[in-house]
Protein backbone atom coordinates (compact mmCIF):
# COMPACT_ATOMS: atom_id res chain seq x y z
CA MET A 1 -25.87 19.62 -37.54
CA LYS A 2 -24.73 19.05 -41.02
CA PHE A 3 -21.61 17.76 -42.56
CA PRO A 4 -20.36 18.84 -45.98
CA THR A 5 -20.87 16.41 -48.90
CA LEU A 6 -18.43 13.60 -48.42
CA PRO A 7 -17.14 11.60 -51.42
CA VAL A 8 -17.35 7.91 -50.84
CA LEU A 9 -14.09 6.26 -49.84
CA THR A 10 -13.65 2.72 -51.10
CA GLN A 11 -11.93 0.45 -48.57
CA ARG A 12 -8.81 0.21 -50.72
CA VAL A 13 -8.29 3.92 -51.06
CA TRP A 14 -9.16 4.55 -47.37
CA VAL A 15 -6.73 1.81 -46.01
CA SER A 16 -3.93 3.04 -48.32
CA ALA A 17 -4.33 6.64 -47.31
CA LEU A 18 -4.59 5.64 -43.63
CA LEU A 19 -1.52 3.55 -43.79
CA ALA A 20 0.47 6.53 -45.20
CA LEU A 21 -0.82 8.78 -42.37
CA LEU A 22 0.09 6.31 -39.65
CA ALA A 23 3.56 5.98 -41.10
CA LEU A 24 4.02 9.81 -41.27
CA LEU A 25 2.85 10.45 -37.74
CA SER A 26 5.05 7.62 -36.40
CA TYR A 27 8.05 9.05 -38.15
CA PHE A 28 7.68 12.56 -36.77
CA ASN A 29 6.83 11.19 -33.29
CA PHE A 30 9.63 8.54 -33.20
CA ASP A 31 12.06 10.40 -30.93
CA SER A 32 9.48 11.22 -28.36
CA THR A 33 10.29 10.45 -24.71
CA GLN A 34 6.75 10.58 -23.42
CA MET A 35 6.47 8.70 -20.12
CA GLN A 36 9.81 6.91 -20.91
CA GLY A 37 10.64 7.17 -17.21
CA LEU A 38 8.65 3.97 -16.78
CA ILE A 39 10.54 2.04 -19.35
CA PRO A 40 13.03 0.80 -16.73
CA ASN A 41 10.13 -0.75 -14.79
CA TYR A 42 8.91 -2.62 -17.82
CA ILE A 43 12.52 -3.73 -18.51
CA ASP A 44 12.59 -5.27 -15.04
CA PHE A 45 9.56 -7.28 -15.96
CA ALA A 46 11.03 -8.17 -19.29
CA HIS A 47 14.07 -9.68 -17.40
CA PHE A 48 11.68 -11.39 -15.08
CA PHE A 49 9.88 -13.08 -17.94
CA ARG A 50 13.11 -13.99 -19.67
CA SER A 51 14.28 -15.58 -16.49
CA GLY A 52 11.34 -17.94 -16.52
CA MET A 53 9.46 -15.88 -13.90
CA ASP A 54 12.12 -16.37 -11.33
CA LEU A 55 11.16 -14.42 -8.22
CA ASP A 56 14.83 -13.89 -7.44
CA SER A 57 15.22 -12.01 -10.77
CA PRO A 58 16.61 -8.59 -9.86
CA PHE A 59 14.27 -5.53 -10.16
CA ARG A 60 16.66 -2.53 -10.45
CA THR A 61 13.86 -0.04 -9.84
CA GLY A 62 12.79 -1.84 -6.70
CA GLN A 63 9.11 -1.84 -7.81
CA THR A 64 7.80 -5.42 -8.18
CA THR A 65 4.05 -4.67 -8.20
CA PHE A 66 4.00 -1.53 -10.22
CA PRO A 67 3.17 -1.16 -13.03
CA MET A 68 1.13 -3.97 -14.45
CA TRP A 69 3.51 -6.48 -16.09
CA GLY A 70 1.95 -6.95 -19.55
CA TYR A 71 4.09 -4.45 -21.44
CA GLY A 72 7.16 -6.11 -19.90
CA LEU A 73 6.25 -9.22 -21.90
CA VAL A 74 6.15 -7.08 -25.10
CA LEU A 75 9.65 -5.73 -24.33
CA ALA A 76 10.80 -9.26 -23.57
CA THR A 77 9.70 -10.61 -27.06
CA ALA A 78 9.88 -7.61 -29.37
CA TRP A 79 12.79 -5.11 -29.78
CA PRO A 80 14.05 -2.65 -31.06
CA LYS A 81 11.84 0.38 -30.69
CA TRP A 82 10.96 0.63 -34.40
CA LEU A 83 9.64 -2.91 -34.39
CA ILE A 84 7.37 -2.24 -31.37
CA ILE A 85 5.98 0.94 -32.95
CA LEU A 86 5.47 -0.98 -36.19
CA LEU A 87 3.55 -3.73 -34.34
CA GLN A 88 1.43 -1.18 -32.37
CA GLN A 89 0.49 0.80 -35.47
CA SER A 90 -0.27 -2.40 -37.38
CA ALA A 91 -2.52 -3.46 -34.63
CA ASN A 92 -4.16 0.06 -34.73
CA LEU A 93 -4.76 -0.27 -38.53
CA LEU A 94 -6.26 -3.71 -38.16
CA PHE A 95 -8.51 -2.51 -35.34
CA LEU A 96 -9.79 0.43 -37.45
CA ILE A 97 -10.51 -1.96 -40.35
CA TRP A 98 -12.42 -4.13 -37.92
CA LEU A 99 -14.29 -1.23 -36.38
CA ASP A 100 -15.20 -0.17 -39.92
CA LYS A 101 -17.25 -3.38 -40.17
CA GLN A 102 -18.97 -2.90 -36.87
CA TRP A 103 -20.98 0.25 -37.75
CA LEU A 104 -23.53 -1.58 -39.93
CA ALA A 105 -23.78 -4.48 -37.48
CA LEU A 106 -24.70 -2.01 -34.74
CA GLY A 107 -27.40 -0.45 -36.90
CA TYR A 108 -25.65 2.62 -38.20
CA ARG A 109 -26.14 3.96 -41.68
CA GLU A 110 -23.77 3.46 -44.58
CA LYS A 111 -23.08 7.21 -44.70
CA ALA A 112 -22.00 7.03 -41.00
CA ARG A 113 -19.50 4.42 -41.88
CA ASN A 114 -18.15 6.58 -44.72
CA ALA A 115 -17.92 9.49 -42.42
CA PHE A 116 -15.92 7.29 -40.00
CA ARG A 117 -13.41 6.53 -42.71
CA TRP A 118 -12.99 10.25 -43.27
CA LEU A 119 -12.68 11.02 -39.62
CA THR A 120 -9.79 8.47 -39.26
CA PHE A 121 -7.66 11.06 -41.14
CA PHE A 122 -8.27 13.59 -38.30
CA ALA A 123 -7.92 11.16 -35.37
CA TRP A 124 -4.27 12.12 -34.69
CA PRO A 125 -4.52 11.90 -30.94
CA TRP A 126 -5.65 8.31 -31.26
CA HIS A 127 -3.00 7.42 -33.90
CA LEU A 128 -0.26 8.95 -31.78
CA MET A 129 -1.29 6.78 -28.85
CA HIS A 130 0.36 4.04 -30.84
CA ALA A 131 3.61 5.85 -31.74
CA VAL A 132 5.06 5.70 -28.16
CA LEU A 133 6.69 3.01 -26.16
CA TRP A 134 4.01 2.52 -23.46
CA PRO A 135 1.10 0.23 -22.54
CA TYR A 136 -1.54 2.80 -23.42
CA SER A 137 -1.42 1.61 -27.00
CA ILE A 138 -2.34 -1.97 -26.16
CA GLY A 139 -4.66 -0.90 -23.39
CA ALA A 140 -6.60 1.46 -25.54
CA LEU A 141 -6.98 -1.12 -28.34
CA GLY A 142 -7.97 -3.81 -25.78
CA ILE A 143 -10.63 -1.79 -23.96
CA SER A 144 -12.10 -0.64 -27.31
CA ILE A 145 -12.24 -4.15 -28.84
CA GLY A 146 -13.53 -5.70 -25.62
CA ILE A 147 -16.33 -3.19 -25.12
CA LEU A 148 -17.32 -3.37 -28.75
CA CYS A 149 -17.56 -7.20 -28.35
CA LEU A 150 -19.85 -6.57 -25.40
CA PHE A 151 -22.00 -4.35 -27.66
CA ARG A 152 -22.32 -7.10 -30.16
CA PHE A 153 -23.09 -9.61 -27.48
CA LEU A 154 -25.81 -7.41 -25.99
CA LYS A 155 -27.29 -6.78 -29.47
CA GLY A 156 -27.34 -10.30 -30.70
CA GLY A 157 -26.43 -12.68 -27.88
CA ASN A 158 -23.82 -14.53 -29.88
CA TRP A 159 -21.59 -16.56 -27.50
CA LYS A 160 -18.56 -15.90 -29.66
CA PHE A 161 -18.66 -12.19 -28.80
CA ALA A 162 -19.06 -13.08 -25.07
CA VAL A 163 -15.92 -15.31 -25.13
CA SER A 164 -13.99 -12.79 -27.17
CA ALA A 165 -14.96 -10.01 -24.79
CA GLY A 166 -13.77 -11.98 -21.76
CA ILE A 167 -10.38 -12.84 -23.43
CA VAL A 168 -9.68 -9.41 -24.71
CA LEU A 169 -10.69 -7.61 -21.44
CA GLY A 170 -8.73 -10.10 -19.37
CA ILE A 171 -5.60 -9.53 -21.41
CA THR A 172 -6.10 -5.73 -21.36
CA SER A 173 -6.24 -5.83 -17.46
CA ASN A 174 -2.69 -7.06 -17.52
CA PHE A 175 -1.51 -3.89 -19.28
CA ARG A 176 -3.59 -1.21 -17.64
CA SER A 177 -5.09 -1.65 -14.16
CA ASP A 178 -7.20 1.51 -14.26
CA TYR A 179 -9.83 -0.38 -16.30
CA THR A 180 -9.98 -3.52 -14.08
CA PHE A 181 -12.81 -2.58 -11.63
CA PHE A 182 -14.93 -1.07 -14.49
CA ILE A 183 -14.40 -4.24 -16.55
CA LEU A 184 -15.45 -6.56 -13.73
CA LEU A 185 -18.47 -4.46 -12.85
CA ALA A 186 -19.63 -3.90 -16.43
CA THR A 187 -19.17 -7.53 -17.46
CA SER A 188 -21.05 -8.70 -14.37
CA LEU A 189 -23.92 -6.38 -15.14
CA VAL A 190 -24.03 -7.43 -18.77
CA ALA A 191 -24.13 -11.05 -17.60
CA LEU A 192 -27.11 -10.37 -15.32
CA PHE A 193 -28.96 -8.44 -17.94
CA SER A 194 -28.39 -11.11 -20.55
CA TRP A 195 -29.59 -13.84 -18.20
CA TRP A 196 -32.62 -11.79 -17.30
CA LYS A 197 -33.50 -11.20 -20.90
CA THR A 198 -32.73 -14.67 -22.32
CA LYS A 199 -32.35 -17.00 -19.34
CA LYS A 200 -28.98 -18.04 -20.87
CA ALA A 201 -25.97 -18.19 -18.62
CA ILE A 202 -23.30 -17.63 -21.32
CA GLY A 203 -22.93 -13.99 -20.26
CA PHE A 204 -21.39 -15.10 -16.94
CA SER A 205 -18.48 -16.52 -18.82
CA ILE A 206 -17.34 -12.95 -19.57
CA PRO A 207 -16.23 -11.81 -16.06
CA LEU A 208 -15.01 -15.43 -15.29
CA ILE A 209 -12.71 -15.42 -18.38
CA SER A 210 -11.46 -11.88 -17.55
CA LEU A 211 -10.58 -12.97 -14.06
CA LEU A 212 -8.90 -16.17 -15.40
CA PHE A 213 -6.51 -13.95 -17.43
CA LEU A 214 -5.72 -11.98 -14.23
CA LEU A 215 -5.11 -15.13 -12.17
CA PRO A 216 -1.27 -15.22 -12.98
CA TRP A 217 -0.92 -11.67 -11.74
CA MET A 218 -2.93 -12.45 -8.59
CA ILE A 219 -0.70 -15.47 -7.83
CA TYR A 220 2.42 -13.33 -8.52
CA SER A 221 1.23 -10.49 -6.34
CA LYS A 222 0.38 -12.98 -3.50
CA GLN A 223 3.96 -14.21 -3.71
CA ARG A 224 5.31 -10.67 -3.59
CA THR A 225 2.98 -9.05 -1.02
CA GLY A 226 1.06 -11.78 0.74
CA HIS A 227 -2.16 -10.41 -0.78
CA LEU A 228 -4.04 -11.28 -3.94
CA LEU A 229 -4.11 -8.11 -5.97
CA LEU A 230 -6.18 -7.35 -9.12
CA THR A 231 -4.18 -4.20 -9.94
CA SER A 232 -0.86 -2.61 -9.57
CA THR A 233 0.06 -0.71 -6.41
CA ASN A 234 -0.14 2.94 -7.55
CA ALA A 235 -3.78 3.93 -7.05
CA GLY A 236 -2.98 5.68 -3.76
CA HIS A 237 -0.07 7.59 -5.35
CA THR A 238 -2.18 8.56 -8.31
CA PHE A 239 -5.17 9.87 -6.35
CA PHE A 240 -3.18 11.53 -3.59
CA CYS A 241 -0.92 13.66 -5.78
CA GLY A 242 -3.91 14.38 -7.97
CA LEU A 243 -5.28 16.55 -5.15
CA GLY A 244 -2.46 18.91 -5.95
CA GLN A 245 -4.00 19.87 -9.24
CA LEU A 246 -5.95 22.52 -7.41
CA ASN A 247 -3.72 25.59 -7.08
CA ASN A 248 -3.23 26.77 -3.54
CA ASN A 249 -5.12 23.78 -2.26
CA VAL A 250 -5.70 23.46 1.49
CA TRP A 251 -3.64 20.25 1.74
CA GLY A 252 -0.53 21.89 0.48
CA ILE A 253 -0.04 19.03 -2.02
CA GLN A 254 1.91 19.43 -5.38
CA PRO A 255 0.81 17.37 -8.40
CA VAL A 256 4.21 15.69 -8.82
CA ASP A 257 5.58 12.29 -7.94
CA GLU A 258 8.03 13.98 -5.58
CA ASP A 259 5.47 15.76 -3.48
CA SER A 260 6.99 16.01 -0.02
CA THR A 261 3.73 15.37 1.85
CA MET A 262 3.00 12.24 -0.01
CA GLN A 263 6.57 10.99 0.27
CA ALA A 264 6.56 11.57 4.02
CA ILE A 265 3.40 9.62 4.51
CA ALA A 266 4.60 6.59 2.45
CA ARG A 267 8.29 6.48 3.18
CA PRO A 268 7.97 4.56 6.48
CA PHE A 269 5.91 1.93 4.59
CA GLY A 270 8.32 1.20 1.76
CA GLY A 271 7.58 4.11 -0.58
CA THR A 272 4.48 5.24 -2.51
CA LEU A 273 4.40 2.26 -4.90
CA SER A 274 4.75 -0.48 -2.40
CA TYR A 275 1.71 -2.48 -1.20
CA ALA A 276 1.80 -0.92 2.19
CA GLY A 277 2.59 2.59 0.92
CA ASP A 278 -0.27 2.31 -1.64
CA SER A 279 -2.73 1.27 1.17
CA VAL A 280 -1.78 4.04 3.50
CA LEU A 281 -1.96 6.66 0.62
CA LYS A 282 -5.44 5.44 -0.22
CA MET A 283 -6.51 6.08 3.39
CA ALA A 284 -4.69 9.45 3.36
CA TRP A 285 -6.49 10.43 0.20
CA LYS A 286 -9.85 9.42 1.67
CA ASP A 287 -9.24 11.32 4.87
CA SER A 288 -8.14 14.37 2.96
CA VAL A 289 -11.29 14.34 0.82
CA MET A 290 -13.56 13.72 3.87
CA ALA A 291 -11.95 16.56 5.75
CA HIS A 292 -12.40 19.06 2.86
CA PRO A 293 -15.05 17.70 0.42
CA PHE A 294 -15.72 21.12 -1.14
CA GLU A 295 -11.97 21.53 -1.79
CA PHE A 296 -12.09 18.17 -3.73
CA VAL A 297 -15.10 19.43 -5.75
CA LYS A 298 -13.12 22.50 -6.61
CA LYS A 299 -10.19 20.28 -7.60
CA MET A 300 -12.42 18.35 -10.07
CA GLY A 301 -13.86 21.58 -11.33
CA SER A 302 -10.37 22.90 -11.89
CA VAL A 303 -9.45 19.82 -14.00
CA ALA A 304 -12.69 20.02 -15.98
CA VAL A 305 -12.22 23.72 -16.83
CA PHE A 306 -8.52 23.89 -17.43
CA ARG A 307 -7.63 20.44 -18.62
CA LEU A 308 -10.64 18.29 -19.66
CA ALA A 309 -12.29 20.62 -22.05
CA PRO A 310 -9.41 22.45 -23.77
CA ARG A 311 -7.09 19.47 -23.98
CA PRO A 312 -8.92 16.23 -23.56
CA PHE A 313 -6.52 14.36 -25.92
CA ASN A 314 -2.85 14.87 -25.94
CA ALA A 315 -0.55 14.25 -28.89
CA GLY A 316 0.33 11.03 -27.17
CA GLY A 317 4.03 11.78 -27.21
CA MET A 318 4.51 14.48 -29.88
CA MET A 319 3.82 17.11 -27.19
CA ASP A 320 6.72 15.96 -25.08
CA PRO A 321 9.65 17.15 -27.21
CA VAL A 322 7.98 20.55 -27.57
CA LEU A 323 7.72 21.16 -23.92
CA ASP A 324 10.83 19.38 -22.58
CA HIS A 325 13.83 21.04 -24.20
CA SER A 326 16.13 18.14 -23.08
CA ALA A 327 14.22 15.94 -25.49
CA LEU A 328 14.11 18.36 -28.46
CA PRO A 329 15.23 17.06 -31.83
CA LYS A 330 18.67 18.21 -32.87
CA ASN A 331 17.29 19.70 -36.03
CA PRO A 332 15.75 23.12 -35.11
CA SER A 333 13.56 23.12 -38.24
CA LYS A 334 11.99 19.87 -37.12
CA PHE A 335 11.10 21.47 -33.80
CA GLY A 336 8.97 24.10 -35.45
CA PHE A 337 7.15 21.58 -37.58
CA ARG A 338 6.43 19.31 -34.57
CA PHE A 339 5.05 22.39 -32.76
CA PHE A 340 2.71 22.88 -35.64
CA LEU A 341 1.66 19.25 -35.71
CA THR A 342 1.14 19.27 -31.95
CA GLY A 343 -1.10 22.23 -32.24
CA LEU A 344 -3.19 20.60 -34.89
CA THR A 345 -3.48 17.46 -32.78
CA ILE A 346 -4.80 19.45 -29.79
CA VAL A 347 -7.34 21.19 -32.07
CA PHE A 348 -8.52 17.87 -33.52
CA GLY A 349 -8.91 16.42 -30.03
CA PHE A 350 -10.84 19.40 -28.76
CA VAL A 351 -13.26 19.45 -31.62
CA TRP A 352 -13.69 15.65 -31.30
CA PHE A 353 -14.52 15.99 -27.64
CA VAL A 354 -17.01 18.86 -28.08
CA ALA A 355 -18.72 17.09 -30.95
CA GLY A 356 -19.08 14.02 -28.82
CA ILE A 357 -20.55 15.93 -25.83
CA VAL A 358 -23.05 17.80 -28.02
CA ALA A 359 -24.13 14.61 -29.80
CA LEU A 360 -24.46 12.81 -26.43
CA GLY A 361 -26.78 15.56 -25.32
CA ILE A 362 -28.94 15.05 -28.45
CA TRP A 363 -28.85 11.30 -27.98
CA LEU A 364 -30.19 11.68 -24.37
CA PHE A 365 -33.53 13.08 -25.78
CA ARG A 366 -34.17 9.89 -27.73
CA SER A 367 -37.05 7.69 -26.48
CA ASN A 368 -35.57 4.36 -27.61
CA LYS A 369 -32.13 3.50 -26.35
CA GLN A 370 -30.27 0.22 -26.67
CA PRO A 371 -28.62 -1.48 -23.66
CA TRP A 372 -25.20 -1.34 -25.33
CA GLU A 373 -25.53 2.52 -25.79
CA TRP A 374 -25.95 2.81 -21.99
CA LEU A 375 -22.82 0.68 -21.67
CA ALA A 376 -20.93 3.16 -23.88
CA LEU A 377 -22.23 6.07 -21.79
CA SER A 378 -21.03 4.31 -18.56
CA LEU A 379 -17.54 3.88 -20.04
CA LEU A 380 -17.32 7.59 -20.95
CA GLY A 381 -18.59 8.45 -17.48
CA PHE A 382 -16.10 6.24 -15.73
CA GLN A 383 -13.02 7.61 -17.71
CA ILE A 384 -14.14 11.17 -17.14
CA ALA A 385 -14.58 10.51 -13.39
CA LEU A 386 -11.05 9.01 -13.34
CA VAL A 387 -9.59 12.01 -15.11
CA LEU A 388 -11.36 14.39 -12.68
CA GLY A 389 -10.65 12.37 -9.46
CA ALA A 390 -7.07 11.17 -9.98
CA ILE A 391 -4.12 13.06 -11.37
CA PHE A 392 -5.03 14.19 -14.91
CA MET A 393 -3.09 12.48 -17.82
CA PRO A 394 -4.34 12.91 -21.34
CA PRO A 395 -4.01 9.13 -22.14
CA TYR A 396 -6.73 8.39 -19.58
CA HIS A 397 -9.07 10.20 -21.95
CA THR A 398 -7.57 9.38 -25.34
CA ASN A 399 -8.02 5.70 -24.86
CA ILE A 400 -11.80 6.00 -25.20
CA PHE A 401 -11.46 8.15 -28.32
CA TRP A 402 -13.73 6.16 -30.58
CA PHE A 403 -16.59 5.94 -28.07
CA TYR A 404 -17.40 9.63 -28.68
CA ALA A 405 -17.89 8.77 -32.32
CA LEU A 406 -20.48 6.31 -31.36
CA PHE A 407 -22.61 9.27 -30.38
CA PHE A 408 -21.80 11.93 -33.03
CA LEU A 409 -22.32 9.27 -35.76
CA HIS A 410 -25.40 7.86 -34.13
CA PRO A 411 -28.43 7.62 -36.41
CA SER A 412 -30.57 9.58 -33.91
CA VAL A 413 -28.25 12.64 -33.90
CA ASN A 414 -29.41 13.49 -37.42
CA PHE A 415 -26.15 14.49 -38.91
CA SER A 416 -26.55 15.19 -42.61
CA LEU A 417 -23.75 13.04 -44.18
CA LYS A 418 -24.49 13.14 -47.93
CA ASN A 419 -22.26 10.90 -49.95
CA ARG A 420 -21.12 11.39 -53.45
CA GLY A 421 -20.90 8.30 -55.66
CA THR A 422 -21.63 4.69 -54.62
CA ASN A 423 -19.85 2.39 -52.14
């Protein structure tokens, strides 16, 4: 596979152009209402934090263990909306500058780093992740930074990367609980592998530090439910209504929060997002899958064919005003332009995904593979399994955006990335 000749981008030119792009995308996406139905839940946690974590602080939504509380702390300390978007995009820019420095440290070629700089101009699905009020922005940055720190630790054994990974991944778990079990499993395996190779125990600090940052949530959830929880109480809801993504499914489930079957099961236990409701829905999901395993396979295949491949990455918010007419901008001309931008975003995401899958196939034929590369593969596998098994949401896939680039920029994939000029 060959790229066209790429002029070398100096860091100053690259950062300046990238900054302008982030500002432009944020401006056109600013009135998005993507997933804003959850904002009241985060406002409840914002009031809770402002009250000094008083358990008697009122939760108007009635949901005290869903979602994870991290974004509530953001809303408690930063407002209005434009300031939060500015902070999220600033964090995105700093992350990309940091990621730019990681390519050479991981053994990539200079031309691959230059290609990365050019690719950031087409990474609209990723950039739009940070132009919406939601925890996916911080979650995506956190999982990316944390796993990249694990890469550096596996490659060089530096204790600073071990500690950094533990801290970042622990903080991330307070924003998005869908990563939690992967984080604990992956960091434990990294620790065991590091000890086996070097007989140094520093790797075990990674899962311990991550758990330490989850300790406040565990104590809080114990006070609320009587149980120590590592995650929020929506896994049962997410997996059960996800069964409805197969049209005319044998269970008669619809892929919506208001599905009557799901609500009927959970209502006697306090609702789908309560601790008891979450527990009973997990069992109901398990029983449904065990009763009709082939139907579940068909469900995952349906998601893979009709959702995963053609639309692996959403606009992260720009899509919403195009499809939801109640959220359309008042200016009709702006609607048409947003529709065009949304279409480009979907195309960029699709091409990115296909390039990553093709490159991954090429990489698998290599004889020499690094431990951190297998970790990257496991992360991609975990997120794809989550997308197929639970209810599909594009942010579940967009948050691992740059891990596909690890493979289609990989030295072994043999892209021809001829640069013009000097760096």
